[in-house]
C-alpha atoms as a PDB file:
ATOM      1  CA  UNK A   1      -2.765 -10.861  15.764  1.00  0.00           C
ATOM      2  CA  UNK A   2       0.338 -11.411  12.595  1.00  0.00           C
ATOM      3  CA  UNK A   3       2.878  -9.398  12.260  1.00  0.00           C
ATOM      4  CA  UNK A   4       5.652 -10.115   9.904  1.00  0.00           C
ATOM      5  CA  UNK A   5       8.231  -6.704   9.351  1.00  0.00           C
ATOM      6  CA  UNK A   6      12.038  -6.323   8.098  1.00  0.00           C
ATOM      7  CA  UNK A   7      14.117  -3.290   8.623  1.00  0.00           C
ATOM      8  CA  UNK A   8      16.913  -1.999   6.192  1.00  0.00           C
ATOM      9  CA  UNK A   9      18.542   0.906   6.720  1.00  0.00           C
ATOM     10  CA  UNK A  10      21.153   2.438   3.475  1.00  0.00           C
ATOM     11  CA  UNK A  11      22.957   5.445   2.840  1.00  0.00           C
ATOM     12  CA  UNK A  12      21.782   8.431   1.720  1.00  0.00           C
ATOM     13  CA  UNK A  13      23.043   8.382  -2.193  1.00  0.00           C
ATOM     14  CA  UNK A  14      20.593   7.642  -4.405  1.00  0.00           C
ATOM     15  CA  UNK A  15      21.568   4.104  -5.844  1.00  0.00           C
ATOM     16  CA  UNK A  16      20.721   2.776  -2.312  1.00  0.00           C
ATOM     17  CA  UNK A  17      16.866   3.199  -2.916  1.00  0.00           C
ATOM     18  CA  UNK A  18      16.741   0.235  -5.769  1.00  0.00           C
ATOM     19  CA  UNK A  19      17.812  -1.715  -2.506  1.00  0.00           C
ATOM     20  CA  UNK A  20      15.346  -0.555  -0.749  1.00  0.00           C
ATOM     21  CA  UNK A  21      12.643  -1.615  -3.613  1.00  0.00           C
ATOM     22  CA  UNK A  22      14.457  -4.586  -4.095  1.00  0.00           C
ATOM     23  CA  UNK A  23      13.990  -5.369  -0.473  1.00  0.00           C
ATOM     24  CA  UNK A  24      10.019  -4.808  -0.436  1.00  0.00           C
ATOM     25  CA  UNK A  25       9.161  -6.592  -3.374  1.00  0.00           C
ATOM     26  CA  UNK A  26      10.871 -10.216  -2.383  1.00  0.00           C
ATOM     27  CA  UNK A  27       9.063  -9.051   0.830  1.00  0.00           C
ATOM     28  CA  UNK A  28       5.690  -8.993  -1.373  1.00  0.00           C
ATOM     29  CA  UNK A  29       6.598 -12.265  -2.551  1.00  0.00           C
ATOM     30  CA  UNK A  30       7.038 -14.008  -0.426  1.00  0.00           C
ATOM     31  CA  UNK A  31       3.294 -12.984   1.763  1.00  0.00           C
ATOM     32  CA  UNK A  32       1.494 -13.051  -1.537  1.00  0.00           C
ATOM     33  CA  UNK A  33       1.142  -9.018  -2.076  1.00  0.00           C
ATOM     34  CA  UNK A  34      -0.935  -7.462  -4.923  1.00  0.00           C
ATOM     35  CA  UNK A  35       2.101  -6.231  -7.483  1.00  0.00           C
ATOM     36  CA  UNK A  36      -0.473  -3.975  -8.058  1.00  0.00           C
ATOM     37  CA  UNK A  37      -0.641  -2.280  -4.647  1.00  0.00           C
ATOM     38  CA  UNK A  38       3.322  -3.751  -4.880  1.00  0.00           C
ATOM     39  CA  UNK A  39       4.079  -1.001  -7.607  1.00  0.00           C
ATOM     40  CA  UNK A  40       2.664   1.907  -6.148  1.00  0.00           C
ATOM     41  CA  UNK A  41       4.163   1.456  -2.420  1.00  0.00           C
ATOM     42  CA  UNK A  42       7.133   0.977  -5.102  1.00  0.00           C
ATOM     43  CA  UNK A  43       6.311   4.591  -5.971  1.00  0.00           C
ATOM     44  CA  UNK A  44       6.048   5.901  -2.997  1.00  0.00           C
ATOM     45  CA  UNK A  45       9.603   4.160  -1.583  1.00  0.00           C
ATOM     46  CA  UNK A  46      10.599   6.357  -5.099  1.00  0.00           C
ATOM     47  CA  UNK A  47       9.696   9.524  -4.364  1.00  0.00           C
ATOM     48  CA  UNK A  48      10.199   9.820  -0.181  1.00  0.00           C
ATOM     49  CA  UNK A  49      13.735   8.744  -0.504  1.00  0.00           C
ATOM     50  CA  UNK A  50      14.424  10.321  -3.156  1.00  0.00           C
ATOM     51  CA  UNK A  51      13.403  13.508  -2.264  1.00  0.00           C
ATOM     52  CA  UNK A  52      15.143  12.858   1.651  1.00  0.00           C
ATOM     53  CA  UNK A  53      18.339  12.492  -0.364  1.00  0.00           C
ATOM     54  CA  UNK A  54      18.274  14.846  -2.921  1.00  0.00           C
ATOM     55  CA  UNK A  55      17.289  17.497  -0.376  1.00  0.00           C
ATOM     56  CA  UNK A  56      17.386  16.094   3.064  1.00  0.00           C
ATOM     57  CA  UNK A  57      20.993  16.937   3.634  1.00  0.00           C
ATOM     58  CA  UNK A  58      23.306  20.402   3.667  1.00  0.00           C
ATOM     59  CA  UNK A  59      26.497  18.772   4.544  1.00  0.00           C
ATOM     60  CA  UNK A  60      28.469  15.801   2.120  1.00  0.00           C
ATOM     61  CA  UNK A  61      28.364  13.371   5.184  1.00  0.00           C
ATOM     62  CA  UNK A  62      27.174   9.626   4.566  1.00  0.00           C
ATOM     63  CA  UNK A  63      23.815   9.786   7.088  1.00  0.00           C
ATOM     64  CA  UNK A  64      21.640   6.493   7.502  1.00  0.00           C
ATOM     65  CA  UNK A  65      18.286   6.251   6.275  1.00  0.00           C
ATOM     66  CA  UNK A  66      15.897   3.013   8.150  1.00  0.00           C
ATOM     67  CA  UNK A  67      12.946   1.972   5.798  1.00  0.00           C
ATOM     68  CA  UNK A  68      10.636  -0.474   8.187  1.00  0.00           C
ATOM     69  CA  UNK A  69       7.846  -2.044   6.894  1.00  0.00           C
ATOM     70  CA  UNK A  70       5.047  -3.639   8.791  1.00  0.00           C
ATOM     71  CA  UNK A  71       2.559  -6.356   7.900  1.00  0.00           C
ATOM     72  CA  UNK A  72      -0.467  -6.793  10.417  1.00  0.00           C
ATOM     73  CA  UNK A  73      -3.449  -9.016   9.096  1.00  0.00           C
ATOM     74  CA  UNK A  74      -4.336  -7.163   6.822  1.00  0.00           C
ATOM     75  CA  UNK A  75      -2.813  -2.971   7.206  1.00  0.00           C
ATOM     76  CA  UNK A  76       0.974  -2.327   6.015  1.00  0.00           C
ATOM     77  CA  UNK A  77       2.867   0.373   7.267  1.00  0.00           C
ATOM     78  CA  UNK A  78       5.897   1.187   6.141  1.00  0.00           C
ATOM     79  CA  UNK A  79       8.192   3.857   8.206  1.00  0.00           C
ATOM     80  CA  UNK A  80      10.892   6.139   7.298  1.00  0.00           C
ATOM     81  CA  UNK A  81      13.229   7.211   9.359  1.00  0.00           C
ATOM     82  CA  UNK A  82      16.415  10.327   8.645  1.00  0.00           C
ATOM     83  CA  UNK A  83      18.442  12.561  10.673  1.00  0.00           C
ATOM     84  CA  UNK A  84      18.515  15.106   7.971  1.00  0.00           C
ATOM     85  CA  UNK A  85      16.749  18.552   8.766  1.00  0.00           C
ATOM     86  CA  UNK A  86      13.628  18.799   9.393  1.00  0.00           C
ATOM     87  CA  UNK A  87      10.386  19.276   6.709  1.00  0.00           C
ATOM     88  CA  UNK A  88       7.054  17.547   6.977  1.00  0.00           C
ATOM     89  CA  UNK A  89       6.720  16.742   3.012  1.00  0.00           C
ATOM     90  CA  UNK A  90       3.071  16.775   3.778  1.00  0.00           C
ATOM     91  CA  UNK A  91       2.227  20.791   5.340  1.00  0.00           C
ATOM     92  CA  UNK A  92       2.537  21.676   1.037  1.00  0.00           C
ATOM     93  CA  UNK A  93      -0.352  22.894  -0.586  1.00  0.00           C
ATOM     94  CA  UNK A  94      -1.689  19.845  -2.748  1.00  0.00           C
ATOM     95  CA  UNK A  95      -0.516  21.079  -6.979  1.00  0.00           C
ATOM     96  CA  UNK A  96      -3.076  22.149  -9.229  1.00  0.00           C
ATOM     97  CA  UNK A  97      -3.920  19.609 -11.097  1.00  0.00           C
ATOM     98  CA  UNK A  98      -6.246  20.982 -13.058  1.00  0.00           C
ATOM     99  CA  UNK A  99      -3.168  23.301 -14.887  1.00  0.00           C
ATOM    100  CA  UNK A 100      -1.751  21.668 -17.954  1.00  0.00           C
ATOM    101  CA  UNK A 101       2.340  21.274 -17.393  1.00  0.00           C
ATOM    102  CA  UNK A 102       3.769  24.163 -18.696  1.00  0.00           C
ATOM    103  CA  UNK A 103       1.750  25.715 -16.585  1.00  0.00           C
ATOM    104  CA  UNK A 104       2.501  23.745 -12.864  1.00  0.00           C
ATOM    105  CA  UNK A 105       4.342  25.516 -10.698  1.00  0.00           C
ATOM    106  CA  UNK A 106       7.184  22.678 -10.611  1.00  0.00           C
ATOM    107  CA  UNK A 107       7.361  20.348  -7.109  1.00  0.00           C
ATOM    108  CA  UNK A 108       4.907  18.661  -5.177  1.00  0.00           C
ATOM    109  CA  UNK A 109       3.384  16.444  -7.724  1.00  0.00           C
ATOM    110  CA  UNK A 110       5.102  13.256  -6.100  1.00  0.00           C
ATOM    111  CA  UNK A 111       4.554  14.011  -2.899  1.00  0.00           C
ATOM    112  CA  UNK A 112       0.470  14.507  -3.597  1.00  0.00           C
ATOM    113  CA  UNK A 113       0.746  10.935  -5.430  1.00  0.00           C
ATOM    114  CA  UNK A 114       2.265   9.398  -2.511  1.00  0.00           C
ATOM    115  CA  UNK A 115      -0.987  11.171  -0.143  1.00  0.00           C
ATOM    116  CA  UNK A 116      -3.596   9.583  -3.173  1.00  0.00           C
ATOM    117  CA  UNK A 117      -1.452   5.854  -2.831  1.00  0.00           C
ATOM    118  CA  UNK A 118      -1.702   5.802   0.946  1.00  0.00           C
ATOM    119  CA  UNK A 119      -5.080   5.693   3.774  1.00  0.00           C
ATOM    120  CA  UNK A 120      -2.546   8.085   5.774  1.00  0.00           C
ATOM    121  CA  UNK A 121       0.650   9.860   5.657  1.00  0.00           C
ATOM    122  CA  UNK A 122       2.050  11.045   8.513  1.00  0.00           C
ATOM    123  CA  UNK A 123       5.726  12.855   9.764  1.00  0.00           C
ATOM    124  CA  UNK A 124       6.674  14.090  13.171  1.00  0.00           C
ATOM    125  CA  UNK A 125       9.888  15.013  14.779  1.00  0.00           C
ATOM    126  CA  UNK A 126      12.090  13.412  17.977  1.00  0.00           C
ATOM    127  CA  UNK A 127      15.239  13.419  19.051  1.00  0.00           C
ATOM    128  CA  UNK A 128      16.635  15.413  15.637  1.00  0.00           C
ATOM    129  CA  UNK A 129      14.766  12.927  13.394  1.00  0.00           C
ATOM    130  CA  UNK A 130      12.034  13.151  10.517  1.00  0.00           C
ATOM    131  CA  UNK A 131      10.109  10.165  10.683  1.00  0.00           C
ATOM    132  CA  UNK A 132       7.359   9.755   8.020  1.00  0.00           C
ATOM    133  CA  UNK A 133       4.429   7.045   8.859  1.00  0.00           C
ATOM    134  CA  UNK A 134       2.938   5.675   6.180  1.00  0.00           C
ATOM    135  CA  UNK A 135      -0.635   3.771   5.782  1.00  0.00           C
ATOM    136  CA  UNK A 136      -2.102   1.494   3.644  1.00  0.00           C
ATOM    137  CA  UNK A 137      -5.268  -0.365   5.597  1.00  0.00           C
ATOM    138  CA  UNK A 138      -6.727  -3.630   3.546  1.00  0.00           C
ATOM    139  CA  UNK A 139      -4.161  -4.479   1.320  1.00  0.00           C
ATOM    140  CA  UNK A 140      -6.185  -8.302   0.224  1.00  0.00           C
ATOM    141  CA  UNK A 141      -9.376  -6.229  -1.071  1.00  0.00           C
END
C-alpha cells in the first residue's frame, strides 16, 4: 500500500495558515490531486486552523500547531494537533441553514461546511492536546 505524507508545524498566528495551504497545494500538485478536492480541503484547513488560533488559547504565548497529511491509495487523512484548551468542534448542533442569514445565530456554519466536505471528522483529547482527524475517501473518483 503506497503512502505519502508530510508534516508542517506552525505557530498560533493567523498568517501561518497560508503556509499550510501553500504546502498542501504543492503536495497536491506533486501527487496530481484534483483541483476541486484541493479547494475543499483548503477551506477545511482555513476554518479549523482559524478557529484554533482565534479561540483556542487564553494567553498570548506562542503555541505550536502540527498538521499531518497522509495520502494512502485513494484516501486522504488530515490530523491537526494543538495544545489549546479542550474543545470538540464537532459536538455542536448543525446550524439552521433553512433560516435567512439575518435570522441565524452566529457561528457553526464553518464547521458544518467542514463536516459536509469530509467523509469523517473526529476529535479526541490525549496528553493535553486536541487531535482533530479528517478523512476524505475515494479522492480519485
